[in-house]
Amino acid sequence: MASVNKVILVGNCGRDPEIRYLPSGQAVANVSIATSSRRKDKNTGESIEDTQWHRVTFYDRLAEIAGEYLKKGRPAYIEGRLKYGKYTDQAGVEKNTVDIIATELQLLGGREGMGGPGDGDDGGQRRAAPAARPSAPAPARTAPAARPASGFDDMDDDIPF
């Protein structure tokens, strides 16, 4: 049976990414992402905001992109998977951890800190493709061919169904 381990976060960066390189040369970036939800207290009617902090780890080219563009306070869309772990702290107490291993990153919001004029207008969004998926070259665009007056003359006769 197939299984799914997928996380989608839309939140704000809590600190600048910490980038390091493994002995193999692989880039690793760690960052905290805050997500918030609001609800009304049933007794007082007061609005309560609940903020959750998520530890996110980026690898390879995605780590380099996160380190360059992701900054404290910046909103981001992140896809990844959960990874659970354990460690023993200095006091000898065993602690559990939950990390999100990012596979996709999309920066949201404005262009502050994104570069100067002439760097391409992408509407304030940059998208980093997953490192595991190679990007295919974009097909060449050609002018659309003139269509015949009837809708049947341009149908392909080799349709298999």
Protein backbone atom coordinates (compact mmCIF):
# COMPACT_ATOMS: atom_id res chain seq x y z
CA MET A 1 0.00 0.00 0.00
CA ALA A 2 1.29 3.48 -0.86
CA SER A 3 1.77 6.09 1.82
CA VAL A 4 2.06 9.87 1.88
CA ASN A 5 4.22 12.09 4.09
CA LYS A 6 3.57 15.64 2.91
CA VAL A 7 3.53 18.99 4.67
CA ILE A 8 2.49 22.36 3.26
CA LEU A 9 3.29 25.51 5.21
CA VAL A 10 2.46 29.12 4.46
CA GLY A 11 4.06 31.27 7.12
CA ASN A 12 6.69 33.83 8.02
CA CYS A 13 10.39 33.25 8.44
CA GLY A 14 11.34 33.65 12.12
CA ARG A 15 15.07 34.15 11.57
CA ASP A 16 17.59 34.36 8.76
CA PRO A 17 18.57 30.90 7.47
CA GLU A 18 21.66 29.24 8.92
CA ILE A 19 23.66 27.74 6.06
CA ARG A 20 26.41 25.17 6.44
CA TYR A 21 28.16 22.74 4.16
CA LEU A 22 28.66 19.05 4.89
CA PRO A 23 32.09 17.49 4.24
CA SER A 24 30.65 16.15 0.98
CA GLY A 25 30.01 19.74 -0.15
CA GLN A 26 26.23 19.43 0.23
CA ALA A 27 24.58 22.70 1.33
CA VAL A 28 22.18 22.57 4.30
CA ALA A 29 20.02 25.50 5.47
CA ASN A 30 17.91 25.58 8.63
CA VAL A 31 15.16 28.07 9.35
CA SER A 32 12.16 28.54 11.63
CA ILE A 33 8.76 29.22 10.06
CA ALA A 34 5.84 30.61 12.06
CA THR A 35 2.24 29.78 11.19
CA SER A 36 -0.65 31.45 12.99
CA SER A 37 -4.35 30.81 13.36
CA ARG A 38 -7.03 32.93 15.03
CA ARG A 39 -10.06 31.89 16.96
CA LYS A 40 -12.58 33.53 19.25
CA ASP A 41 -12.65 32.61 22.93
CA LYS A 42 -16.14 31.20 23.69
CA ASN A 43 -16.33 32.84 27.13
CA THR A 44 -14.92 36.32 26.49
CA GLY A 45 -15.45 36.69 22.72
CA GLU A 46 -11.84 37.86 22.54
CA SER A 47 -9.78 36.97 19.47
CA ILE A 48 -6.91 34.60 20.32
CA GLU A 49 -3.95 34.05 18.03
CA ASP A 50 -2.16 30.70 18.19
CA THR A 51 1.35 30.65 16.66
CA GLN A 52 3.18 27.42 15.89
CA TRP A 53 6.92 27.27 15.11
CA HIS A 54 8.27 24.77 12.59
CA ARG A 55 11.89 23.74 12.03
CA VAL A 56 12.55 23.49 8.30
CA THR A 57 15.66 22.03 6.66
CA PHE A 58 16.64 22.65 3.03
CA TYR A 59 19.30 20.67 1.14
CA ASP A 60 21.47 21.18 -1.96
CA ARG A 61 20.49 23.95 -4.37
CA LEU A 62 17.27 24.65 -2.47
CA ALA A 63 19.40 25.41 0.62
CA GLU A 64 21.45 27.93 -1.34
CA ILE A 65 18.30 29.59 -2.70
CA ALA A 66 16.74 29.74 0.77
CA GLY A 67 19.93 31.25 2.17
CA GLU A 68 20.02 33.91 -0.51
CA TYR A 69 16.37 34.98 -0.59
CA LEU A 70 14.63 33.86 2.62
CA LYS A 71 15.02 36.49 5.36
CA LYS A 72 13.53 37.09 8.79
CA GLY A 73 9.88 38.20 8.53
CA ARG A 74 9.50 37.17 4.89
CA PRO A 75 6.39 35.12 4.00
CA ALA A 76 6.99 31.81 2.23
CA TYR A 77 5.20 28.74 0.89
CA ILE A 78 7.05 25.52 1.71
CA GLU A 79 6.33 21.90 0.79
CA GLY A 80 8.15 18.99 2.33
CA ARG A 81 7.95 15.90 4.49
CA LEU A 82 8.04 15.24 8.23
CA LYS A 83 11.09 13.68 9.83
CA TYR A 84 11.01 12.57 13.46
CA GLY A 85 14.11 12.16 15.58
CA LYS A 86 15.44 11.86 19.13
CA TYR A 87 18.44 13.24 20.93
CA THR A 88 19.75 13.41 24.49
CA ASP A 89 20.33 16.90 25.86
CA GLN A 90 23.23 17.94 28.12
CA ALA A 91 21.23 17.01 31.22
CA GLY A 92 20.76 13.46 29.91
CA VAL A 93 17.07 13.93 29.12
CA GLU A 94 15.86 12.29 25.89
CA LYS A 95 14.02 14.78 23.66
CA ASN A 96 11.89 14.23 20.55
CA THR A 97 12.22 16.40 17.46
CA VAL A 98 10.07 17.05 14.43
CA ASP A 99 11.69 18.57 11.35
CA ILE A 100 10.28 19.41 7.95
CA ILE A 101 12.58 18.42 5.11
CA ALA A 102 11.70 20.95 2.40
CA THR A 103 11.30 19.88 -1.22
CA GLU A 104 9.83 23.12 -2.59
CA LEU A 105 10.04 26.81 -1.71
CA GLN A 106 8.09 29.75 -3.03
CA LEU A 107 8.74 33.24 -1.72
CA LEU A 108 5.63 35.32 -1.17
CA GLY A 109 5.03 39.03 -0.74
CA GLY A 110 6.95 42.00 -2.09
CA ARG A 111 10.33 42.33 -3.73
CA GLU A 112 12.24 43.96 -0.86
CA GLY A 113 15.80 42.68 -0.90
CA MET A 114 15.23 40.84 -4.18
CA GLY A 115 17.55 42.96 -6.33
CA GLY A 116 17.41 46.09 -8.42
CA PRO A 117 15.71 47.15 -11.62
CA GLY A 118 16.21 44.95 -14.64
CA ASP A 119 16.32 41.68 -12.69
CA GLY A 120 13.06 40.47 -14.23
CA ASP A 121 9.53 41.14 -13.09
CA ASP A 122 8.01 38.05 -11.58
CA GLY A 123 5.28 39.72 -9.54
CA GLY A 124 7.30 39.46 -6.34
CA GLN A 125 7.40 35.68 -6.36
CA ARG A 126 10.30 33.36 -6.94
CA ARG A 127 9.92 29.62 -7.10
CA ALA A 128 12.61 27.08 -6.54
CA ALA A 129 11.96 23.73 -8.13
CA PRO A 130 12.68 20.61 -6.09
CA ALA A 131 16.27 19.53 -6.36
CA ALA A 132 15.28 15.96 -7.26
CA ARG A 133 13.27 16.95 -10.33
CA PRO A 134 15.26 18.07 -13.37
CA SER A 135 13.71 21.00 -15.18
CA ALA A 136 12.70 20.42 -18.78
CA PRO A 137 13.50 23.09 -21.34
CA ALA A 138 10.54 25.25 -22.28
CA PRO A 139 9.10 24.45 -25.69
CA ALA A 140 9.68 27.08 -28.35
CA ARG A 141 6.69 29.33 -28.87
CA THR A 142 5.43 29.78 -32.40
CA ALA A 143 2.63 31.84 -33.80
CA PRO A 144 -0.65 29.92 -33.82
CA ALA A 145 -1.63 28.56 -37.22
CA ALA A 146 -4.72 29.96 -38.89
CA ARG A 147 -7.73 27.76 -38.16
CA PRO A 148 -10.08 26.58 -40.90
CA ALA A 149 -13.62 27.89 -40.89
CA SER A 150 -15.15 24.50 -39.99
CA GLY A 151 -14.13 22.81 -36.77
CA PHE A 152 -13.62 19.38 -38.41
CA ASP A 153 -10.92 20.08 -40.98
CA ASP A 154 -8.19 20.51 -38.37
CA MET A 155 -8.84 17.25 -36.49
CA ASP A 156 -6.13 14.65 -36.42
CA ASP A 157 -7.12 11.36 -38.09
CA ASP A 158 -4.65 9.36 -35.98
CA ILE A 159 -6.66 9.58 -32.75
CA PRO A 160 -6.51 6.09 -31.16
CA PHE A 161 -10.03 6.09 -29.72
